[in-house]
Amino acid sequence: KFFGGDRGAQAKIARELQISTAAVAKWPKDGDVPGSSL
């Protein structure tokens, strides 16, 4: 939601963290962001 909540939010997060969008997509939707990424 912080990154806009739209379909491109995961891509924005991935770009900022310099990781793949697929890695962000694996984060549990109702769970916590992994510690190193957080």
ModelCIF file with pLDDT and N, C-alpha, C, O atoms, coordinates in Angstrom:
data_MODEL
#
_entry.id   MODEL 
#
_entity.id                         1 
_entity.type                       polymer 
_entity.pdbx_number_of_molecules   1 
#
_entity_poly.entity_id                      1 
_entity_poly.type                           'polypeptide(L)' 
_entity_poly.nstd_linkage                   no 
_entity_poly.nstd_monomer                   no 
_entity_poly.pdbx_seq_one_letter_code       KFFGGDRGAQAKIARELQISTAAVAKWPKDGDVPGSSL 
_entity_poly.pdbx_seq_one_letter_code_can   KFFGGDRGAQAKIARELQISTAAVAKWPKDGDVPGSSL 
_entity_poly.pdbx_strand_id                 A 
#
loop_
_entity_poly_seq.entity_id 
_entity_poly_seq.num 
_entity_poly_seq.mon_id 
_entity_poly_seq.hetero 
1 1  LYS n 
1 2  PHE n 
1 3  PHE n 
1 4  GLY n 
1 5  GLY n 
1 6  ASP n 
1 7  ARG n 
1 8  GLY n 
1 9  ALA n 
1 10 GLN n 
1 11 ALA n 
1 12 LYS n 
1 13 ILE n 
1 14 ALA n 
1 15 ARG n 
1 16 GLU n 
1 17 LEU n 
1 18 GLN n 
1 19 ILE n 
1 20 SER n 
1 21 THR n 
1 22 ALA n 
1 23 ALA n 
1 24 VAL n 
1 25 ALA n 
1 26 LYS n 
1 27 TRP n 
1 28 PRO n 
1 29 LYS n 
1 30 ASP n 
1 31 GLY n 
1 32 ASP n 
1 33 VAL n 
1 34 PRO n 
1 35 GLY n 
1 36 SER n 
1 37 SER n 
1 38 LEU n 
#
_struct_asym.id          A 
_struct_asym.entity_id   1 
#
loop_
_ma_qa_metric.id 
_ma_qa_metric.mode 
_ma_qa_metric.name 
_ma_qa_metric.software_group_id 
_ma_qa_metric.type 
1 global pLDDT . pLDDT 
2 local  pLDDT . pLDDT 
#
_ma_qa_metric_global.metric_id      1 
_ma_qa_metric_global.metric_value   94.08 
_ma_qa_metric_global.model_id       1 
_ma_qa_metric_global.ordinal_id     1 
#
loop_
_ma_qa_metric_local.label_asym_id 
_ma_qa_metric_local.label_comp_id 
_ma_qa_metric_local.label_seq_id 
_ma_qa_metric_local.metric_id 
_ma_qa_metric_local.metric_value 
_ma_qa_metric_local.model_id 
_ma_qa_metric_local.ordinal_id 
A LYS 1  2 94.00 1 1  
A PHE 2  2 95.00 1 2  
A PHE 3  2 96.00 1 3  
A GLY 4  2 95.00 1 4  
A GLY 5  2 92.00 1 5  
A ASP 6  2 85.00 1 6  
A ARG 7  2 83.00 1 7  
A GLY 8  2 94.00 1 8  
A ALA 9  2 96.00 1 9  
A GLN 10 2 95.00 1 10 
A ALA 11 2 96.00 1 11 
A LYS 12 2 97.00 1 12 
A ILE 13 2 97.00 1 13 
A ALA 14 2 97.00 1 14 
A ARG 15 2 97.00 1 15 
A GLU 16 2 96.00 1 16 
A LEU 17 2 97.00 1 17 
A GLN 18 2 96.00 1 18 
A ILE 19 2 96.00 1 19 
A SER 20 2 96.00 1 20 
A THR 21 2 95.00 1 21 
A ALA 22 2 95.00 1 22 
A ALA 23 2 95.00 1 23 
A VAL 24 2 95.00 1 24 
A ALA 25 2 94.00 1 25 
A LYS 26 2 95.00 1 26 
A TRP 27 2 95.00 1 27 
A PRO 28 2 94.00 1 28 
A LYS 29 2 87.00 1 29 
A ASP 30 2 90.00 1 30 
A GLY 31 2 94.00 1 31 
A ASP 32 2 95.00 1 32 
A VAL 33 2 95.00 1 33 
A PRO 34 2 94.00 1 34 
A GLY 35 2 91.00 1 35 
A SER 36 2 91.00 1 36 
A SER 37 2 96.00 1 37 
A LEU 38 2 94.00 1 38 
#
loop_
_atom_site.group_PDB 
_atom_site.id 
_atom_site.type_symbol 
_atom_site.label_atom_id 
_atom_site.label_alt_id 
_atom_site.label_comp_id 
_atom_site.label_asym_id 
_atom_site.label_entity_id 
_atom_site.label_seq_id 
_atom_site.pdbx_PDB_ins_code 
_atom_site.Cartn_x 
_atom_site.Cartn_y 
_atom_site.Cartn_z 
_atom_site.occupancy 
_atom_site.B_iso_or_equiv 
_atom_site.pdbx_formal_charge 
_atom_site.auth_seq_id 
_atom_site.auth_comp_id 
_atom_site.auth_asym_id 
_atom_site.auth_atom_id 
_atom_site.pdbx_PDB_model_num 
ATOM 1   N N  . LYS A 1 1  ? 0.832  -1.212  0.000   1.00 94.00 ? 1  LYS A N  1 
ATOM 2   C CA . LYS A 1 1  ? 0.000  0.000   0.000   1.00 94.00 ? 1  LYS A CA 1 
ATOM 3   C C  . LYS A 1 1  ? 0.863  1.257   0.000   1.00 94.00 ? 1  LYS A C  1 
ATOM 4   O O  . LYS A 1 1  ? 0.526  2.241   -0.658  1.00 94.00 ? 1  LYS A O  1 
ATOM 5   N N  . PHE A 1 2  ? 1.970  1.230   0.731   1.00 95.00 ? 2  PHE A N  1 
ATOM 6   C CA . PHE A 1 2  ? 2.881  2.367   0.776   1.00 95.00 ? 2  PHE A CA 1 
ATOM 7   C C  . PHE A 1 2  ? 3.416  2.693   -0.621  1.00 95.00 ? 2  PHE A C  1 
ATOM 8   O O  . PHE A 1 2  ? 3.619  3.858   -0.960  1.00 95.00 ? 2  PHE A O  1 
ATOM 9   N N  . PHE A 1 3  ? 3.638  1.666   -1.414  1.00 96.00 ? 3  PHE A N  1 
ATOM 10  C CA . PHE A 1 3  ? 4.149  1.850   -2.769  1.00 96.00 ? 3  PHE A CA 1 
ATOM 11  C C  . PHE A 1 3  ? 3.036  2.005   -3.800  1.00 96.00 ? 3  PHE A C  1 
ATOM 12  O O  . PHE A 1 3  ? 3.269  1.827   -4.995  1.00 96.00 ? 3  PHE A O  1 
ATOM 13  N N  . GLY A 1 4  ? 1.863  2.327   -3.359  1.00 95.00 ? 4  GLY A N  1 
ATOM 14  C CA . GLY A 1 4  ? 0.778  2.630   -4.284  1.00 95.00 ? 4  GLY A CA 1 
ATOM 15  C C  . GLY A 1 4  ? -0.316 1.591   -4.341  1.00 95.00 ? 4  GLY A C  1 
ATOM 16  O O  . GLY A 1 4  ? -1.427 1.893   -4.777  1.00 95.00 ? 4  GLY A O  1 
ATOM 17  N N  . GLY A 1 5  ? -0.035 0.381   -3.915  1.00 92.00 ? 5  GLY A N  1 
ATOM 18  C CA . GLY A 1 5  ? -1.053 -0.652  -3.849  1.00 92.00 ? 5  GLY A CA 1 
ATOM 19  C C  . GLY A 1 5  ? -1.547 -1.170  -5.188  1.00 92.00 ? 5  GLY A C  1 
ATOM 20  O O  . GLY A 1 5  ? -2.409 -2.048  -5.227  1.00 92.00 ? 5  GLY A O  1 
ATOM 21  N N  . ASP A 1 6  ? -1.022 -0.650  -6.276  1.00 85.00 ? 6  ASP A N  1 
ATOM 22  C CA . ASP A 1 6  ? -1.489 -1.087  -7.588  1.00 85.00 ? 6  ASP A CA 1 
ATOM 23  C C  . ASP A 1 6  ? -0.682 -2.301  -8.059  1.00 85.00 ? 6  ASP A C  1 
ATOM 24  O O  . ASP A 1 6  ? 0.151  -2.836  -7.328  1.00 85.00 ? 6  ASP A O  1 
ATOM 25  N N  . ARG A 1 7  ? -0.947 -2.707  -9.269  1.00 83.00 ? 7  ARG A N  1 
ATOM 26  C CA . ARG A 1 7  ? -0.272 -3.895  -9.803  1.00 83.00 ? 7  ARG A CA 1 
ATOM 27  C C  . ARG A 1 7  ? 1.233  -3.703  -9.909  1.00 83.00 ? 7  ARG A C  1 
ATOM 28  O O  . ARG A 1 7  ? 1.979  -4.682  -9.877  1.00 83.00 ? 7  ARG A O  1 
ATOM 29  N N  . GLY A 1 8  ? 1.687  -2.485  -10.034 1.00 94.00 ? 8  GLY A N  1 
ATOM 30  C CA . GLY A 1 8  ? 3.113  -2.232  -10.176 1.00 94.00 ? 8  GLY A CA 1 
ATOM 31  C C  . GLY A 1 8  ? 3.857  -2.064  -8.866  1.00 94.00 ? 8  GLY A C  1 
ATOM 32  O O  . GLY A 1 8  ? 5.067  -1.838  -8.867  1.00 94.00 ? 8  GLY A O  1 
ATOM 33  N N  . ALA A 1 9  ? 3.153  -2.171  -7.746  1.00 96.00 ? 9  ALA A N  1 
ATOM 34  C CA . ALA A 1 9  ? 3.788  -1.937  -6.447  1.00 96.00 ? 9  ALA A CA 1 
ATOM 35  C C  . ALA A 1 9  ? 4.916  -2.931  -6.177  1.00 96.00 ? 9  ALA A C  1 
ATOM 36  O O  . ALA A 1 9  ? 5.976  -2.546  -5.683  1.00 96.00 ? 9  ALA A O  1 
ATOM 37  N N  . GLN A 1 10 ? 4.695  -4.208  -6.497  1.00 95.00 ? 10 GLN A N  1 
ATOM 38  C CA . GLN A 1 10 ? 5.744  -5.195  -6.262  1.00 95.00 ? 10 GLN A CA 1 
ATOM 39  C C  . GLN A 1 10 ? 6.977  -4.894  -7.099  1.00 95.00 ? 10 GLN A C  1 
ATOM 40  O O  . GLN A 1 10 ? 8.102  -5.075  -6.632  1.00 95.00 ? 10 GLN A O  1 
ATOM 41  N N  . ALA A 1 11 ? 6.778  -4.439  -8.327  1.00 96.00 ? 11 ALA A N  1 
ATOM 42  C CA . ALA A 1 11 ? 7.914  -4.089  -9.186  1.00 96.00 ? 11 ALA A CA 1 
ATOM 43  C C  . ALA A 1 11 ? 8.662  -2.890  -8.614  1.00 96.00 ? 11 ALA A C  1 
ATOM 44  O O  . ALA A 1 11 ? 9.892  -2.850  -8.655  1.00 96.00 ? 11 ALA A O  1 
ATOM 45  N N  . LYS A 1 12 ? 7.931  -1.915  -8.082  1.00 97.00 ? 12 LYS A N  1 
ATOM 46  C CA . LYS A 1 12 ? 8.566  -0.741  -7.478  1.00 97.00 ? 12 LYS A CA 1 
ATOM 47  C C  . LYS A 1 12 ? 9.405  -1.158  -6.274  1.00 97.00 ? 12 LYS A C  1 
ATOM 48  O O  . LYS A 1 12 ? 10.537 -0.705  -6.102  1.00 97.00 ? 12 LYS A O  1 
ATOM 49  N N  . ILE A 1 13 ? 8.834  -2.024  -5.448  1.00 97.00 ? 13 ILE A N  1 
ATOM 50  C CA . ILE A 1 13 ? 9.561  -2.510  -4.263  1.00 97.00 ? 13 ILE A CA 1 
ATOM 51  C C  . ILE A 1 13 ? 10.825 -3.246  -4.697  1.00 97.00 ? 13 ILE A C  1 
ATOM 52  O O  . ILE A 1 13 ? 11.903 -3.027  -4.144  1.00 97.00 ? 13 ILE A O  1 
ATOM 53  N N  . ALA A 1 14 ? 10.684 -4.115  -5.687  1.00 97.00 ? 14 ALA A N  1 
ATOM 54  C CA . ALA A 1 14 ? 11.831 -4.890  -6.178  1.00 97.00 ? 14 ALA A CA 1 
ATOM 55  C C  . ALA A 1 14 ? 12.930 -3.971  -6.702  1.00 97.00 ? 14 ALA A C  1 
ATOM 56  O O  . ALA A 1 14 ? 14.110 -4.195  -6.434  1.00 97.00 ? 14 ALA A O  1 
ATOM 57  N N  . ARG A 1 15 ? 12.543 -2.941  -7.448  1.00 97.00 ? 15 ARG A N  1 
ATOM 58  C CA . ARG A 1 15 ? 13.551 -1.990  -7.962  1.00 97.00 ? 15 ARG A CA 1 
ATOM 59  C C  . ARG A 1 15 ? 14.281 -1.296  -6.822  1.00 97.00 ? 15 ARG A C  1 
ATOM 60  O O  . ARG A 1 15 ? 15.504 -1.158  -6.851  1.00 97.00 ? 15 ARG A O  1 
ATOM 61  N N  . GLU A 1 16 ? 13.532 -0.864  -5.825  1.00 96.00 ? 16 GLU A N  1 
ATOM 62  C CA . GLU A 1 16 ? 14.153 -0.164  -4.689  1.00 96.00 ? 16 GLU A CA 1 
ATOM 63  C C  . GLU A 1 16 ? 15.106 -1.064  -3.919  1.00 96.00 ? 16 GLU A C  1 
ATOM 64  O O  . GLU A 1 16 ? 16.141 -0.608  -3.433  1.00 96.00 ? 16 GLU A O  1 
ATOM 65  N N  . LEU A 1 17 ? 14.758 -2.344  -3.809  1.00 97.00 ? 17 LEU A N  1 
ATOM 66  C CA . LEU A 1 17 ? 15.602 -3.280  -3.063  1.00 97.00 ? 17 LEU A CA 1 
ATOM 67  C C  . LEU A 1 17 ? 16.641 -3.965  -3.939  1.00 97.00 ? 17 LEU A C  1 
ATOM 68  O O  . LEU A 1 17 ? 17.493 -4.706  -3.448  1.00 97.00 ? 17 LEU A O  1 
ATOM 69  N N  . GLN A 1 18 ? 16.560 -3.711  -5.240  1.00 96.00 ? 18 GLN A N  1 
ATOM 70  C CA . GLN A 1 18 ? 17.455 -4.345  -6.211  1.00 96.00 ? 18 GLN A CA 1 
ATOM 71  C C  . GLN A 1 18 ? 17.390 -5.867  -6.129  1.00 96.00 ? 18 GLN A C  1 
ATOM 72  O O  . GLN A 1 18 ? 18.408 -6.559  -6.120  1.00 96.00 ? 18 GLN A O  1 
ATOM 73  N N  . ILE A 1 19 ? 16.144 -6.364  -6.069  1.00 96.00 ? 19 ILE A N  1 
ATOM 74  C CA . ILE A 1 19 ? 15.882 -7.797  -6.086  1.00 96.00 ? 19 ILE A CA 1 
ATOM 75  C C  . ILE A 1 19 ? 14.851 -8.055  -7.179  1.00 96.00 ? 19 ILE A C  1 
ATOM 76  O O  . ILE A 1 19 ? 14.316 -7.115  -7.768  1.00 96.00 ? 19 ILE A O  1 
ATOM 77  N N  . SER A 1 20 ? 14.578 -9.310  -7.444  1.00 96.00 ? 20 SER A N  1 
ATOM 78  C CA . SER A 1 20 ? 13.623 -9.632  -8.502  1.00 96.00 ? 20 SER A CA 1 
ATOM 79  C C  . SER A 1 20 ? 12.185 -9.434  -8.020  1.00 96.00 ? 20 SER A C  1 
ATOM 80  O O  . SER A 1 20 ? 11.883 -9.556  -6.833  1.00 96.00 ? 20 SER A O  1 
ATOM 81  N N  . THR A 1 21 ? 11.322 -9.131  -8.963  1.00 95.00 ? 21 THR A N  1 
ATOM 82  C CA . THR A 1 21 ? 9.898  -9.010  -8.643  1.00 95.00 ? 21 THR A CA 1 
ATOM 83  C C  . THR A 1 21 ? 9.365  -10.347 -8.140  1.00 95.00 ? 21 THR A C  1 
ATOM 84  O O  . THR A 1 21 ? 8.482  -10.390 -7.283  1.00 95.00 ? 21 THR A O  1 
ATOM 85  N N  . ALA A 1 22 ? 9.908  -11.433 -8.678  1.00 95.00 ? 22 ALA A N  1 
ATOM 86  C CA . ALA A 1 22 ? 9.482  -12.766 -8.235  1.00 95.00 ? 22 ALA A CA 1 
ATOM 87  C C  . ALA A 1 22 ? 9.776  -12.970 -6.748  1.00 95.00 ? 22 ALA A C  1 
ATOM 88  O O  . ALA A 1 22 ? 9.000  -13.611 -6.040  1.00 95.00 ? 22 ALA A O  1 
ATOM 89  N N  . ALA A 1 23 ? 10.889 -12.426 -6.282  1.00 95.00 ? 23 ALA A N  1 
ATOM 90  C CA . ALA A 1 23 ? 11.222 -12.550 -4.858  1.00 95.00 ? 23 ALA A CA 1 
ATOM 91  C C  . ALA A 1 23 ? 10.198 -11.811 -4.003  1.00 95.00 ? 23 ALA A C  1 
ATOM 92  O O  . ALA A 1 23 ? 9.774  -12.314 -2.963  1.00 95.00 ? 23 ALA A O  1 
ATOM 93  N N  . VAL A 1 24 ? 9.805  -10.624 -4.439  1.00 95.00 ? 24 VAL A N  1 
ATOM 94  C CA . VAL A 1 24 ? 8.802  -9.858  -3.695  1.00 95.00 ? 24 VAL A CA 1 
ATOM 95  C C  . VAL A 1 24 ? 7.459  -10.583 -3.738  1.00 95.00 ? 24 VAL A C  1 
ATOM 96  O O  . VAL A 1 24 ? 6.726  -10.596 -2.748  1.00 95.00 ? 24 VAL A O  1 
ATOM 97  N N  . ALA A 1 25 ? 7.138  -11.182 -4.873  1.00 94.00 ? 25 ALA A N  1 
ATOM 98  C CA . ALA A 1 25 ? 5.867  -11.900 -5.018  1.00 94.00 ? 25 ALA A CA 1 
ATOM 99  C C  . ALA A 1 25 ? 5.772  -13.094 -4.069  1.00 94.00 ? 25 ALA A C  1 
ATOM 100 O O  . ALA A 1 25 ? 4.671  -13.540 -3.744  1.00 94.00 ? 25 ALA A O  1 
ATOM 101 N N  . LYS A 1 26 ? 6.908  -13.610 -3.626  1.00 95.00 ? 26 LYS A N  1 
ATOM 102 C CA . LYS A 1 26 ? 6.911  -14.751 -2.699  1.00 95.00 ? 26 LYS A CA 1 
ATOM 103 C C  . LYS A 1 26 ? 6.668  -14.340 -1.248  1.00 95.00 ? 26 LYS A C  1 
ATOM 104 O O  . LYS A 1 26 ? 6.429  -15.196 -0.396  1.00 95.00 ? 26 LYS A O  1 
ATOM 105 N N  . TRP A 1 27 ? 6.729  -13.036 -0.960  1.00 95.00 ? 27 TRP A N  1 
ATOM 106 C CA . TRP A 1 27 ? 6.457  -12.596 0.402   1.00 95.00 ? 27 TRP A CA 1 
ATOM 107 C C  . TRP A 1 27 ? 5.021  -12.971 0.759   1.00 95.00 ? 27 TRP A C  1 
ATOM 108 O O  . TRP A 1 27 ? 4.121  -12.822 -0.067  1.00 95.00 ? 27 TRP A O  1 
ATOM 109 N N  . PRO A 1 28 ? 4.797  -13.453 1.971   1.00 94.00 ? 28 PRO A N  1 
ATOM 110 C CA . PRO A 1 28 ? 3.421  -13.812 2.354   1.00 94.00 ? 28 PRO A CA 1 
ATOM 111 C C  . PRO A 1 28 ? 2.535  -12.566 2.413   1.00 94.00 ? 28 PRO A C  1 
ATOM 112 O O  . PRO A 1 28 ? 2.868  -11.592 3.089   1.00 94.00 ? 28 PRO A O  1 
ATOM 113 N N  . LYS A 1 29 ? 1.416  -12.604 1.707   1.00 87.00 ? 29 LYS A N  1 
ATOM 114 C CA . LYS A 1 29 ? 0.536  -11.428 1.624   1.00 87.00 ? 29 LYS A CA 1 
ATOM 115 C C  . LYS A 1 29 ? 0.047  -10.981 2.998   1.00 87.00 ? 29 LYS A C  1 
ATOM 116 O O  . LYS A 1 29 ? -0.006 -9.783  3.276   1.00 87.00 ? 29 LYS A O  1 
ATOM 117 N N  . ASP A 1 30 ? -0.306 -11.928 3.852   1.00 90.00 ? 30 ASP A N  1 
ATOM 118 C CA . ASP A 1 30 ? -0.818 -11.571 5.174   1.00 90.00 ? 30 ASP A CA 1 
ATOM 119 C C  . ASP A 1 30 ? 0.236  -11.752 6.262   1.00 90.00 ? 30 ASP A C  1 
ATOM 120 O O  . ASP A 1 30 ? -0.072 -11.744 7.454   1.00 90.00 ? 30 ASP A O  1 
ATOM 121 N N  . GLY A 1 31 ? 1.486  -11.915 5.827   1.00 94.00 ? 31 GLY A N  1 
ATOM 122 C CA . GLY A 1 31 ? 2.571  -12.109 6.783   1.00 94.00 ? 31 GLY A CA 1 
ATOM 123 C C  . GLY A 1 31 ? 3.508  -10.921 6.820   1.00 94.00 ? 31 GLY A C  1 
ATOM 124 O O  . GLY A 1 31 ? 3.204  -9.847  6.302   1.00 94.00 ? 31 GLY A O  1 
ATOM 125 N N  . ASP A 1 32 ? 4.643  -11.134 7.437   1.00 95.00 ? 32 ASP A N  1 
ATOM 126 C CA . ASP A 1 32 ? 5.624  -10.065 7.609   1.00 95.00 ? 32 ASP A CA 1 
ATOM 127 C C  . ASP A 1 32 ? 6.622  -10.043 6.460   1.00 95.00 ? 32 ASP A C  1 
ATOM 128 O O  . ASP A 1 32 ? 6.933  -11.071 5.859   1.00 95.00 ? 32 ASP A O  1 
ATOM 129 N N  . VAL A 1 33 ? 7.112  -8.849  6.174   1.00 95.00 ? 33 VAL A N  1 
ATOM 130 C CA . VAL A 1 33 ? 8.183  -8.672  5.192   1.00 95.00 ? 33 VAL A CA 1 
ATOM 131 C C  . VAL A 1 33 ? 9.440  -9.313  5.781   1.00 95.00 ? 33 VAL A C  1 
ATOM 132 O O  . VAL A 1 33 ? 9.726  -9.117  6.962   1.00 95.00 ? 33 VAL A O  1 
ATOM 133 N N  . PRO A 1 34 ? 10.197 -10.074 4.987   1.00 94.00 ? 34 PRO A N  1 
ATOM 134 C CA . PRO A 1 34 ? 11.437 -10.667 5.497   1.00 94.00 ? 34 PRO A CA 1 
ATOM 135 C C  . PRO A 1 34 ? 12.362 -9.599  6.100   1.00 94.00 ? 34 PRO A C  1 
ATOM 136 O O  . PRO A 1 34 ? 12.457 -8.482  5.592   1.00 94.00 ? 34 PRO A O  1 
ATOM 137 N N  . GLY A 1 35 ? 13.024 -9.962  7.170   1.00 91.00 ? 35 GLY A N  1 
ATOM 138 C CA . GLY A 1 35 ? 13.836 -9.022  7.943   1.00 91.00 ? 35 GLY A CA 1 
ATOM 139 C C  . GLY A 1 35 ? 14.862 -8.230  7.166   1.00 91.00 ? 35 GLY A C  1 
ATOM 140 O O  . GLY A 1 35 ? 14.963 -7.016  7.345   1.00 91.00 ? 35 GLY A O  1 
ATOM 141 N N  . SER A 1 36 ? 15.635 -8.891  6.297   1.00 91.00 ? 36 SER A N  1 
ATOM 142 C CA . SER A 1 36 ? 16.679 -8.166  5.568   1.00 91.00 ? 36 SER A CA 1 
ATOM 143 C C  . SER A 1 36 ? 16.065 -7.152  4.607   1.00 91.00 ? 36 SER A C  1 
ATOM 144 O O  . SER A 1 36 ? 16.591 -6.051  4.445   1.00 91.00 ? 36 SER A O  1 
ATOM 145 N N  . SER A 1 37 ? 14.964 -7.515  3.977   1.00 96.00 ? 37 SER A N  1 
ATOM 146 C CA . SER A 1 37 ? 14.289 -6.579  3.071   1.00 96.00 ? 37 SER A CA 1 
ATOM 147 C C  . SER A 1 37 ? 13.676 -5.425  3.852   1.00 96.00 ? 37 SER A C  1 
ATOM 148 O O  . SER A 1 37 ? 13.716 -4.274  3.418   1.00 96.00 ? 37 SER A O  1 
ATOM 149 N N  . LEU A 1 38 ? 13.114 -5.745  4.996   1.00 94.00 ? 38 LEU A N  1 
ATOM 150 C CA . LEU A 1 38 ? 12.489 -4.707  5.814   1.00 94.00 ? 38 LEU A CA 1 
ATOM 151 C C  . LEU A 1 38 ? 13.528 -3.696  6.284   1.00 94.00 ? 38 LEU A C  1 
ATOM 152 O O  . LEU A 1 38 ? 13.188 -2.745  6.988   1.00 94.00 ? 38 LEU A O  1 
#
